[in-house]
Structures are given as C-alpha cells and as structure tokens.
Amino acid sequence: MNRKKYSAIVFDLGNVLIPFNYGMAIKKLNGVEAGLGDRFIESYKSNYSVHREFEKGNIPESEFVNRILEVIDHKIDAETFRIYYSDIFSVNEKVVSLLPQLKKNYKLILLSNTDSIHQKYGWQKYEFLKYFDKLILSHEVGAVKPEEKIYRAVEVASTFPSEEHFYIDDIKVYVDAAIKLGWTGVHFTGYERLIIDLNKYQII
C-alpha cells in the first residue's frame, strides 16, 4: 500500500478508549428500590431522542435530570443520579497505551457524542486525556455523529484537510459518515484488529 500522509488521528471515546455498561447504574438503582433501575433504562431507551438532544446540548442538564427523576419517582436526589448515571465507565488500557506513541507523530483529537454529566462525573478524571490536542464533544458543538457539522468541527480544530484525518470508532455508521467527507476511517472491534489496521495504513 502506498503511504498516505495522515496528520490527525481522531479517536471516538465510548467503547474505544472507555468501555461503558449501563448495567452498573441499573444495579445501583435497583438497590435503592426493586425495579427502579429497570424502569430507568426502559424509559431511557424508549425516549432516546431526548438523550440525543441532551448530547447535542439542546436540553439543559437540569431539565434532563428532572425528567429522569420523575421516571424514578425522585427516589434519589439529582446529585446521586448524576453519580449513578456516570459510574458506568472503565478504561481500555491497551488502546490507551497507544496514545503516547501516536502523539509523537500526529495531532490527536477526541471526537465523542457525550453529554455534560458523563463528561463531568464520568470520564473527565482520566489521565489519558492529556494526550489529546483537542476534545470535540457533541454537547459543546451542538451536533452529534453522524452529522457533518461535528466532523467539520474536528477539521477546524486540527487545521488539516479532510484527507489527512484517520478516524477510529466502534460504530460503523459514524466511520462511514467520516469516509464520505474524505477521511480514512476504521471500524473498531478490538485492540488486536486496531493494531492490524494501524499497520495496514502505516500509522505505526
């Protein structure tokens, strides 16, 4: 394969760098009252458009929290909900270990559909974020993947042309959207496959 020059490596966050599992939040809520967590997740899934608008920053955090608290009959307070709702993440240490190496040769950008609660209470504490030159977050940009606007925000931040972006995401639709804009993208299915892809494109 002819070497193609990439200047920016763009990482998705959830389920690439930080796996997440809402089962942890469900379990805690069910511990408060039997069935409470199940009620939360059923409402969350059936009203996912609400969460999507929250991720875009179109719904204030307080309004989103109040909606959820109504679903669970205010059995916990707002602060406790924020903690439960965000205590769902772990770190994929193997993928994170690639960041210092990649940082030497590329600008690193994080591109994530994420809301303000998950940012503040969930993943903002992670040390590996220091390797990123810029975080492009849906609730700050006012758009979510696969909308063009959020990918263009990355290009503005990187200052590089579309074709110099290499993108890694666990959701294929989001990768495909990036490719349509001229990026190179790979569908993340695990660390081993990612290493193969990074070698294939002569990134490492």
Protein backbone atom coordinates (compact mmCIF):
# COMPACT_ATOMS: atom_id res chain seq x y z
CA MET A 1 0.00 0.00 0.00
CA ASN A 2 1.29 3.44 -0.90
CA ARG A 3 1.87 5.54 2.16
CA LYS A 4 -0.83 8.13 2.64
CA LYS A 5 0.07 11.00 4.86
CA TYR A 6 -2.12 11.49 7.90
CA SER A 7 -1.71 14.43 10.20
CA ALA A 8 -4.51 13.84 12.71
CA ILE A 9 -5.63 10.65 14.41
CA VAL A 10 -9.20 11.02 15.62
CA PHE A 11 -10.47 8.71 18.35
CA ASP A 12 -14.00 8.00 19.43
CA LEU A 13 -14.28 7.78 23.22
CA GLY A 14 -17.02 5.39 24.33
CA ASN A 15 -16.31 1.69 23.74
CA VAL A 16 -12.96 2.51 22.13
CA LEU A 17 -10.97 4.16 24.93
CA ILE A 18 -13.54 3.71 27.68
CA PRO A 19 -15.97 0.78 27.54
CA PHE A 20 -19.25 1.55 29.30
CA ASN A 21 -22.00 -0.54 30.82
CA TYR A 22 -25.31 0.91 31.99
CA GLY A 23 -25.85 -2.32 33.91
CA MET A 24 -23.83 -0.79 36.73
CA ALA A 25 -26.25 2.13 37.04
CA ILE A 26 -29.26 -0.17 36.75
CA LYS A 27 -27.93 -2.34 39.57
CA LYS A 28 -27.44 0.65 41.88
CA LEU A 29 -30.93 1.97 41.19
CA ASN A 30 -32.46 -1.46 41.72
CA GLY A 31 -30.62 -1.48 45.03
CA VAL A 32 -32.49 1.67 46.06
CA GLU A 33 -35.81 0.08 45.18
CA ALA A 34 -36.62 -3.12 43.30
CA GLY A 35 -37.33 -2.39 39.64
CA LEU A 36 -36.18 1.23 39.76
CA GLY A 37 -33.16 0.64 37.53
CA ASP A 38 -35.25 -1.35 35.06
CA ARG A 39 -37.73 1.50 34.88
CA PHE A 40 -34.90 3.96 34.25
CA ILE A 41 -33.35 2.01 31.38
CA GLU A 42 -36.71 1.26 29.74
CA SER A 43 -37.58 4.97 29.77
CA TYR A 44 -34.07 5.90 28.64
CA LYS A 45 -34.25 3.59 25.63
CA SER A 46 -37.82 4.42 24.63
CA ASN A 47 -37.08 8.15 24.85
CA TYR A 48 -33.62 8.03 23.34
CA SER A 49 -34.35 11.10 21.23
CA VAL A 50 -34.41 13.08 24.49
CA HIS A 51 -30.94 11.83 25.36
CA ARG A 52 -29.80 12.64 21.83
CA GLU A 53 -30.96 16.23 22.23
CA PHE A 54 -29.18 16.36 25.59
CA GLU A 55 -26.00 15.14 23.90
CA LYS A 56 -26.39 17.96 21.39
CA GLY A 57 -26.68 20.47 24.20
CA ASN A 58 -30.23 21.35 23.17
CA ILE A 59 -31.72 20.33 26.52
CA PRO A 60 -30.36 21.87 29.74
CA GLU A 61 -28.73 19.43 32.13
CA SER A 62 -31.20 20.28 34.90
CA GLU A 63 -34.16 19.52 32.63
CA PHE A 64 -32.71 16.16 31.59
CA VAL A 65 -32.05 15.20 35.21
CA ASN A 66 -35.54 16.24 36.29
CA ARG A 67 -37.10 14.12 33.56
CA ILE A 68 -35.23 11.06 34.78
CA LEU A 69 -36.01 11.79 38.43
CA GLU A 70 -39.71 11.89 37.55
CA VAL A 71 -39.40 8.45 35.95
CA ILE A 72 -37.84 7.03 39.12
CA ASP A 73 -40.24 8.89 41.45
CA HIS A 74 -37.48 11.06 42.95
CA LYS A 75 -36.21 8.09 44.97
CA ILE A 76 -32.73 9.64 44.81
CA ASP A 77 -31.60 13.25 44.54
CA ALA A 78 -30.15 14.92 41.47
CA GLU A 79 -26.53 14.65 42.59
CA THR A 80 -26.86 10.93 43.33
CA PHE A 81 -28.42 10.37 39.93
CA ARG A 82 -25.53 12.15 38.22
CA ILE A 83 -23.09 9.88 40.03
CA TYR A 84 -25.01 6.65 39.28
CA TYR A 85 -25.59 7.68 35.66
CA SER A 86 -21.88 8.31 35.14
CA ASP A 87 -20.36 5.43 37.10
CA ILE A 88 -20.53 3.21 34.02
CA PHE A 89 -17.06 3.57 32.51
CA SER A 90 -13.84 1.59 32.58
CA VAL A 91 -10.59 2.09 30.64
CA ASN A 92 -9.30 0.03 27.71
CA GLU A 93 -5.69 0.20 28.86
CA LYS A 94 -4.35 -1.48 25.71
CA VAL A 95 -5.83 1.16 23.42
CA VAL A 96 -4.87 3.97 25.79
CA SER A 97 -1.26 2.70 25.73
CA LEU A 98 -1.08 3.64 22.03
CA LEU A 99 -1.68 7.32 22.68
CA PRO A 100 1.84 8.38 23.81
CA GLN A 101 3.34 6.63 20.79
CA LEU A 102 0.89 8.19 18.32
CA LYS A 103 1.26 11.61 19.95
CA LYS A 104 4.88 11.76 18.77
CA ASN A 105 3.89 11.89 15.10
CA TYR A 106 0.28 13.02 14.91
CA LYS A 107 -2.13 15.54 16.30
CA LEU A 108 -4.61 13.61 18.44
CA ILE A 109 -8.26 14.63 18.58
CA LEU A 110 -11.08 13.10 20.58
CA LEU A 111 -14.49 13.05 18.88
CA SER A 112 -17.37 12.00 21.09
CA ASN A 113 -21.13 12.00 21.31
CA THR A 114 -21.27 12.78 25.01
CA ASP A 115 -23.34 14.79 27.44
CA SER A 116 -22.26 17.22 30.13
CA ILE A 117 -23.00 14.82 33.01
CA HIS A 118 -20.91 11.98 31.61
CA GLN A 119 -18.09 14.41 30.95
CA LYS A 120 -18.04 15.96 34.42
CA TYR A 121 -18.92 12.93 36.51
CA GLY A 122 -17.76 10.05 34.34
CA TRP A 123 -14.61 10.42 32.27
CA GLN A 124 -13.14 13.89 32.81
CA LYS A 125 -10.86 12.49 35.51
CA TYR A 126 -8.96 10.15 33.19
CA GLU A 127 -5.27 10.95 32.84
CA PHE A 128 -5.02 9.80 29.23
CA LEU A 129 -6.99 12.87 28.08
CA LYS A 130 -3.76 14.88 28.37
CA TYR A 131 -2.53 13.27 25.15
CA PHE A 132 -5.28 14.88 23.09
CA ASP A 133 -4.71 18.22 21.45
CA LYS A 134 -8.43 18.88 21.28
CA LEU A 135 -11.70 17.37 22.53
CA ILE A 136 -14.62 17.78 20.14
CA LEU A 137 -17.72 16.99 22.20
CA SER A 138 -21.26 16.87 20.87
CA HIS A 139 -22.82 18.87 23.70
CA GLU A 140 -20.32 21.68 23.10
CA VAL A 141 -20.51 21.65 19.30
CA GLY A 142 -24.29 21.35 19.04
CA ALA A 143 -24.19 18.30 16.76
CA VAL A 144 -23.80 14.54 17.05
CA LYS A 145 -22.21 11.92 14.85
CA PRO A 146 -23.03 11.13 12.07
CA GLU A 147 -23.96 14.77 11.37
CA GLU A 148 -21.48 16.55 9.12
CA LYS A 149 -21.17 19.53 11.45
CA ILE A 150 -19.32 17.63 14.17
CA TYR A 151 -16.73 16.21 11.75
CA ARG A 152 -16.15 19.66 10.30
CA ALA A 153 -15.56 20.92 13.83
CA VAL A 154 -12.69 18.44 14.05
CA GLU A 155 -11.20 19.81 10.83
CA VAL A 156 -11.42 23.36 12.14
CA ALA A 157 -9.63 22.25 15.32
CA SER A 158 -6.95 20.27 13.53
CA THR A 159 -6.46 22.82 10.70
CA PHE A 160 -5.77 19.91 8.35
CA PRO A 161 -7.63 18.99 5.15
CA SER A 162 -10.19 16.17 5.28
CA GLU A 163 -7.94 13.57 3.69
CA GLU A 164 -5.31 13.94 6.45
CA HIS A 165 -7.67 12.63 9.15
CA PHE A 166 -7.62 9.00 10.28
CA TYR A 167 -10.64 8.02 12.35
CA ILE A 168 -11.33 5.17 14.79
CA ASP A 169 -14.88 4.44 16.00
CA ASP A 170 -16.79 1.38 17.21
CA ILE A 171 -19.96 2.42 15.35
CA LYS A 172 -19.63 1.72 11.63
CA VAL A 173 -22.23 4.29 10.59
CA TYR A 174 -20.10 7.00 12.18
CA VAL A 175 -17.00 5.75 10.38
CA ASP A 176 -18.86 5.66 7.07
CA ALA A 177 -20.00 9.27 7.57
CA ALA A 178 -16.40 10.35 8.07
CA ILE A 179 -15.25 8.45 4.97
CA LYS A 180 -17.89 10.25 2.89
CA LEU A 181 -16.28 13.53 3.93
CA GLY A 182 -12.87 12.40 2.71
CA TRP A 183 -11.43 10.96 5.89
CA THR A 184 -9.92 7.50 6.23
CA GLY A 185 -11.71 5.50 8.89
CA VAL A 186 -11.64 2.08 10.52
CA HIS A 187 -14.34 0.28 12.44
CA PHE A 188 -13.03 -0.55 15.92
CA THR A 189 -13.81 -4.09 17.05
CA GLY A 190 -10.91 -4.60 19.46
CA TYR A 191 -7.28 -3.82 20.18
CA GLU A 192 -5.82 -6.62 18.05
CA ARG A 193 -7.77 -5.58 14.95
CA LEU A 194 -6.85 -1.93 15.55
CA ILE A 195 -3.13 -2.80 15.55
CA ILE A 196 -3.60 -4.59 12.22
CA ASP A 197 -5.36 -1.54 10.79
CA LEU A 198 -2.75 0.92 12.08
CA ASN A 199 -0.03 -1.19 10.49
CA LYS A 200 -2.00 -1.53 7.27
CA TYR A 201 -2.19 2.23 6.91
CA GLN A 202 1.44 2.61 8.01
CA ILE A 203 0.50 4.71 11.03
CA ILE A 204 2.63 2.67 13.39
